[in-house]
């Protein structure tokens, strides 16, 4: 494939302004950052929202509504809303949950903004995994419910793969009809307790995905741009942005999300391919 879709994840839920003072936090800042990335070649924006006052992760519908409205007024970028928040369970050394430090929500709350706003795409985390705070929880019943509501809303899920076993879970969802056979996957490489960002693991995951599907890849931190190159070389698509990495190179903060996208476009062209336009990305992903 000669066209490579570039997704930008401009803020995420974990990155802080202590890590990068230019982190987009308010709906206006998030929409502006996405638009700047669109102008550099990003076709998709993956959106988390923050509490504008505290900068902390948020699930408030009003923040999603404002962010989406502001971005749609600027451009026709493909919008991918996160459904990840709401599954963070903090566990103490006594193996007891610490609910006052957890961030848990019902399946209905986790997809409320997707049902209301009906974006082109939304993320769907389908597996549980260890994390520094405890456990990122995605139980089968919750996954099934979220997938069902996303399907009923007419939104295409981007299935997140943080570990090898998650592909088995995805195959089950496809078999049940909760996720389409033309599913789109995100290979999440280099998280602290997930799949390492190595050539071997990237190839293995990509070759293990169901036939007839599409995929994108990202790498955390220092693996950010190497995984971009891997995605291009293997015929996939790529993701960059402050959610995954705030550095342009070792010891040098990126000026903006747009600078990361600009460099990604350079890598793609150096490998004799081109960033996909929004219209081309829609065709590749089978979006209306």
Protein backbone atom coordinates (compact mmCIF):
# COMPACT_ATOMS: atom_id res chain seq x y z
CA UNK A 1 0.00 0.00 0.00
CA UNK A 2 1.41 3.38 -1.06
CA UNK A 3 -0.74 5.44 1.34
CA UNK A 4 -0.09 5.48 5.08
CA UNK A 5 -2.70 6.79 7.50
CA UNK A 6 -1.26 9.01 10.21
CA UNK A 7 -3.15 9.16 13.51
CA UNK A 8 -2.20 11.70 16.16
CA UNK A 9 -3.02 11.20 19.85
CA UNK A 10 -2.57 14.77 21.05
CA UNK A 11 -3.02 14.46 24.81
CA UNK A 12 -3.97 11.04 26.23
CA UNK A 13 -4.92 10.53 29.86
CA UNK A 14 -1.55 10.12 31.58
CA UNK A 15 0.86 12.71 30.15
CA UNK A 16 1.19 15.81 32.34
CA UNK A 17 2.22 19.42 31.84
CA UNK A 18 5.19 18.68 34.08
CA UNK A 19 6.36 16.35 31.31
CA UNK A 20 5.56 18.89 28.57
CA UNK A 21 4.34 22.44 29.26
CA UNK A 22 2.62 22.57 25.88
CA UNK A 23 0.34 19.58 26.51
CA UNK A 24 -3.16 20.38 25.17
CA UNK A 25 -5.69 20.32 28.03
CA UNK A 26 -8.77 22.41 27.26
CA UNK A 27 -11.19 21.54 24.42
CA UNK A 28 -9.93 24.60 22.54
CA UNK A 29 -6.30 23.52 22.91
CA UNK A 30 -7.02 19.93 21.92
CA UNK A 31 -8.96 20.99 18.82
CA UNK A 32 -6.26 23.49 17.84
CA UNK A 33 -3.49 20.91 18.27
CA UNK A 34 -5.44 18.41 16.15
CA UNK A 35 -5.95 20.99 13.40
CA UNK A 36 -2.24 21.83 13.35
CA UNK A 37 -1.53 18.11 12.92
CA UNK A 38 -4.12 17.86 10.14
CA UNK A 39 -2.21 20.56 8.28
CA UNK A 40 0.97 18.45 8.57
CA UNK A 41 -0.63 15.27 7.20
CA UNK A 42 -2.55 13.56 10.02
CA UNK A 43 -5.88 12.14 8.85
CA UNK A 44 -7.13 10.87 12.23
CA UNK A 45 -7.07 12.36 15.71
CA UNK A 46 -7.43 10.14 18.78
CA UNK A 47 -9.11 12.19 21.49
CA UNK A 48 -9.04 11.99 25.27
CA UNK A 49 -10.39 14.94 27.23
CA UNK A 50 -9.13 16.59 30.40
CA UNK A 51 -10.63 18.64 33.18
CA UNK A 52 -9.78 22.16 31.93
CA UNK A 53 -9.15 23.40 35.48
CA UNK A 54 -7.00 20.59 36.86
CA UNK A 55 -5.60 19.05 33.67
CA UNK A 56 -6.50 15.58 34.96
CA UNK A 57 -8.20 12.92 32.81
CA UNK A 58 -11.94 13.31 32.44
CA UNK A 59 -14.94 11.45 31.10
CA UNK A 60 -17.29 14.45 31.03
CA UNK A 61 -19.56 14.48 28.00
CA UNK A 62 -19.52 18.27 27.78
CA UNK A 63 -15.76 18.30 27.21
CA UNK A 64 -16.05 15.77 24.39
CA UNK A 65 -18.92 17.72 22.82
CA UNK A 66 -17.01 21.01 22.86
CA UNK A 67 -13.81 19.45 21.55
CA UNK A 68 -15.55 17.70 18.67
CA UNK A 69 -17.57 20.78 17.73
CA UNK A 70 -14.49 22.98 17.72
CA UNK A 71 -12.55 20.54 15.54
CA UNK A 72 -15.38 19.97 13.08
CA UNK A 73 -15.58 23.74 12.60
CA UNK A 74 -11.93 23.71 11.48
CA UNK A 75 -11.60 20.63 9.24
CA UNK A 76 -12.97 17.25 8.20
CA UNK A 77 -10.42 15.21 10.16
CA UNK A 78 -11.50 11.66 11.13
CA UNK A 79 -12.34 11.66 14.84
CA UNK A 80 -11.44 8.70 17.04
CA UNK A 81 -12.76 9.04 20.62
CA UNK A 82 -11.19 7.10 23.48
CA UNK A 83 -13.22 4.67 25.59
CA UNK A 84 -10.21 3.67 27.71
CA UNK A 85 -10.95 5.78 30.82
CA UNK A 86 -13.01 3.96 33.41
CA UNK A 87 -11.03 0.74 33.74
CA UNK A 88 -8.16 1.78 36.01
CA UNK A 89 -8.19 -0.22 39.27
CA UNK A 90 -5.59 0.65 41.90
CA UNK A 91 -4.54 -2.32 44.01
CA UNK A 92 -2.48 -2.17 47.21
CA UNK A 93 0.28 -4.54 48.34
CA UNK A 94 -2.34 -6.38 50.42
CA UNK A 95 -4.15 -7.22 47.14
CA UNK A 96 -7.12 -5.07 48.12
CA UNK A 97 -8.62 -2.56 45.69
CA UNK A 98 -8.18 1.10 46.60
CA UNK A 99 -11.34 2.55 45.14
CA UNK A 100 -10.57 6.12 46.23
CA UNK A 101 -7.53 6.02 43.95
CA UNK A 102 -9.18 4.07 41.12
CA UNK A 103 -10.94 5.35 38.02
CA UNK A 104 -13.72 2.86 37.31
CA UNK A 105 -16.96 3.33 35.37
CA UNK A 106 -19.79 1.28 33.90
CA UNK A 107 -19.70 0.22 30.25
CA UNK A 108 -22.51 2.68 29.58
CA UNK A 109 -20.49 5.58 30.99
CA UNK A 110 -17.35 4.56 29.12
CA UNK A 111 -19.13 4.79 25.76
CA UNK A 112 -21.65 7.52 26.58
CA UNK A 113 -19.86 10.12 24.44
CA UNK A 114 -19.53 7.67 21.54
CA UNK A 115 -23.26 6.90 21.58
CA UNK A 116 -24.10 10.61 21.74
CA UNK A 117 -21.59 11.97 19.22
CA UNK A 118 -21.27 8.99 16.85
CA UNK A 119 -17.70 9.67 15.68
CA UNK A 120 -16.13 7.81 12.78
CA UNK A 121 -14.00 5.68 15.12
CA UNK A 122 -13.54 4.93 18.79
CA UNK A 123 -10.95 2.91 20.65
CA UNK A 124 -11.95 -0.42 22.19
CA UNK A 125 -9.66 -1.91 24.83
CA UNK A 126 -10.37 -5.62 24.88
CA UNK A 127 -7.94 -7.04 27.43
CA UNK A 128 -6.81 -6.52 31.00
CA UNK A 129 -3.17 -5.86 31.85
CA UNK A 130 -0.87 -4.94 34.72
CA UNK A 131 0.01 -1.30 35.20
CA UNK A 132 2.02 0.76 37.64
CA UNK A 133 -1.10 1.72 39.59
CA UNK A 134 -2.51 -1.81 39.67
CA UNK A 135 -4.59 -3.32 36.87
CA UNK A 136 -6.16 -1.96 33.71
CA UNK A 137 -9.43 -3.90 33.86
CA UNK A 138 -11.48 -4.97 30.85
CA UNK A 139 -13.61 -7.97 31.83
CA UNK A 140 -15.28 -10.05 29.11
CA UNK A 141 -18.82 -8.98 30.03
CA UNK A 142 -17.78 -5.32 29.94
CA UNK A 143 -15.98 -5.70 26.62
CA UNK A 144 -19.01 -7.40 25.08
CA UNK A 145 -21.38 -4.69 26.32
CA UNK A 146 -19.18 -1.86 25.10
CA UNK A 147 -18.67 -3.52 21.70
CA UNK A 148 -22.43 -4.02 21.35
CA UNK A 149 -23.23 -0.38 22.14
CA UNK A 150 -20.50 0.86 19.80
CA UNK A 151 -21.90 -1.33 17.02
CA UNK A 152 -25.46 -0.11 17.63
CA UNK A 153 -24.21 3.48 17.41
CA UNK A 154 -22.80 2.73 13.94
CA UNK A 155 -19.24 3.54 15.00
CA UNK A 156 -16.23 1.50 13.88
CA UNK A 157 -14.05 0.35 16.77
CA UNK A 158 -10.29 0.59 16.71
CA UNK A 159 -9.30 -2.56 18.60
CA UNK A 160 -6.34 -1.97 20.91
CA UNK A 161 -3.72 -4.74 21.15
CA UNK A 162 -1.43 -4.46 24.18
CA UNK A 163 -0.54 -8.15 24.40
CA UNK A 164 -0.53 -11.28 22.25
CA UNK A 165 -3.58 -12.82 23.93
CA UNK A 166 -5.68 -9.82 23.01
CA UNK A 167 -5.76 -11.07 19.42
CA UNK A 168 -7.61 -14.18 20.63
CA UNK A 169 -10.14 -11.94 22.34
CA UNK A 170 -10.54 -9.97 19.11
CA UNK A 171 -11.13 -13.17 17.13
CA UNK A 172 -13.90 -14.09 19.57
CA UNK A 173 -15.56 -10.67 19.16
CA UNK A 174 -15.42 -10.97 15.37
CA UNK A 175 -16.89 -14.48 15.53
CA UNK A 176 -19.76 -13.20 17.68
CA UNK A 177 -20.40 -10.35 15.26
CA UNK A 178 -19.67 -7.68 17.88
CA UNK A 179 -16.72 -6.42 15.80
CA UNK A 180 -16.75 -6.40 12.01
CA UNK A 181 -14.62 -8.69 9.89
CA UNK A 182 -12.97 -5.59 8.41
CA UNK A 183 -11.81 -4.53 11.87
CA UNK A 184 -9.11 -1.93 12.43
CA UNK A 185 -6.41 -2.72 15.01
CA UNK A 186 -3.94 -0.60 16.95
CA UNK A 187 -0.69 -2.33 17.88
CA UNK A 188 0.44 -0.74 21.15
CA UNK A 189 4.18 -1.29 21.49
CA UNK A 190 6.52 -0.55 24.36
CA UNK A 191 4.15 0.01 27.27
CA UNK A 192 5.86 -0.88 30.56
CA UNK A 193 4.03 -4.17 31.06
CA UNK A 194 2.90 -4.93 27.52
CA UNK A 195 4.49 -6.05 24.26
CA UNK A 196 8.06 -4.76 23.82
CA UNK A 197 8.66 -2.39 20.91
CA UNK A 198 10.91 -4.74 18.94
CA UNK A 199 11.04 -5.72 15.29
CA UNK A 200 10.31 -9.35 16.20
CA UNK A 201 7.21 -8.52 18.22
CA UNK A 202 5.86 -5.99 15.72
CA UNK A 203 6.12 -8.52 12.89
CA UNK A 204 4.58 -11.27 15.00
CA UNK A 205 1.56 -9.18 16.00
CA UNK A 206 0.95 -7.83 12.50
CA UNK A 207 1.13 -11.31 10.98
CA UNK A 208 -1.19 -12.72 13.66
CA UNK A 209 -4.10 -10.39 12.92
CA UNK A 210 -7.20 -11.77 11.16
CA UNK A 211 -7.20 -11.53 7.38
CA UNK A 212 -9.18 -8.70 5.83
CA UNK A 213 -8.35 -6.27 8.61
CA UNK A 214 -6.26 -3.10 8.78
CA UNK A 215 -3.84 -2.00 11.46
CA UNK A 216 -1.82 0.87 12.84
CA UNK A 217 1.14 0.87 15.22
CA UNK A 218 2.67 3.16 17.82
CA UNK A 219 5.72 3.00 20.08
CA UNK A 220 6.11 4.55 23.52
CA UNK A 221 8.99 6.94 24.25
CA UNK A 222 12.24 6.21 22.44
CA UNK A 223 10.53 3.63 20.21
CA UNK A 224 8.17 6.27 18.80
CA UNK A 225 9.75 6.90 15.41
CA UNK A 226 11.31 3.42 15.00
CA UNK A 227 7.78 1.97 15.20
CA UNK A 228 6.63 4.52 12.61
CA UNK A 229 9.27 3.14 10.25
CA UNK A 230 8.22 -0.43 11.09
CA UNK A 231 4.59 0.35 10.32
CA UNK A 232 5.45 1.87 6.97
CA UNK A 233 7.80 -0.96 5.98
CA UNK A 234 5.26 -3.65 6.91
CA UNK A 235 2.40 -2.05 5.00
CA UNK A 236 0.49 -0.75 8.00
CA UNK A 237 -0.44 2.65 9.36
CA UNK A 238 1.04 4.74 12.17
CA UNK A 239 0.28 6.80 15.26
CA UNK A 240 2.27 9.53 17.00
CA UNK A 241 1.53 12.22 19.55
CA UNK A 242 2.00 13.43 23.12
CA UNK A 243 -0.09 10.57 24.50
CA UNK A 244 2.79 8.24 23.63
CA UNK A 245 5.89 10.43 23.58
CA UNK A 246 6.78 14.08 24.20
CA UNK A 247 10.34 14.03 22.80
CA UNK A 248 11.54 14.78 19.30
CA UNK A 249 14.84 13.09 20.09
CA UNK A 250 16.72 12.13 23.25
CA UNK A 251 16.77 15.05 25.66
CA UNK A 252 14.87 17.37 23.31
CA UNK A 253 11.17 17.98 23.84
CA UNK A 254 9.09 18.20 20.70
CA UNK A 255 7.86 21.71 19.97
CA UNK A 256 4.33 20.39 19.44
CA UNK A 257 2.28 17.42 18.32
CA UNK A 258 2.47 18.92 14.85
CA UNK A 259 6.27 18.60 14.84
CA UNK A 260 5.92 14.87 15.55
CA UNK A 261 3.46 14.54 12.66
CA UNK A 262 5.70 16.56 10.37
CA UNK A 263 8.64 14.25 11.06
CA UNK A 264 6.41 11.21 10.62
CA UNK A 265 5.41 12.47 7.18
CA UNK A 266 9.11 12.85 6.35
CA UNK A 267 9.79 9.23 7.36
CA UNK A 268 6.88 8.03 5.24
CA UNK A 269 8.11 9.95 2.19
CA UNK A 270 11.70 8.85 2.72
CA UNK A 271 10.39 5.28 2.46
CA UNK A 272 8.70 6.18 -0.86
CA UNK A 273 5.13 6.32 0.36
CA UNK A 274 2.71 9.17 1.09
CA UNK A 275 0.55 10.17 4.06
CA UNK A 276 -3.07 9.38 3.29
CA UNK A 277 -5.54 12.24 2.96
CA UNK A 278 -8.74 12.14 4.99
CA UNK A 279 -10.67 10.90 1.96
CA UNK A 280 -8.07 8.20 1.26
CA UNK A 281 -8.09 7.13 4.90
CA UNK A 282 -11.87 6.79 4.83
CA UNK A 283 -11.63 4.52 1.81
CA UNK A 284 -8.88 2.38 3.34
CA UNK A 285 -10.85 1.92 6.59
CA UNK A 286 -14.22 1.45 4.90
CA UNK A 287 -15.78 4.50 6.52
CA UNK A 288 -18.77 6.20 4.96
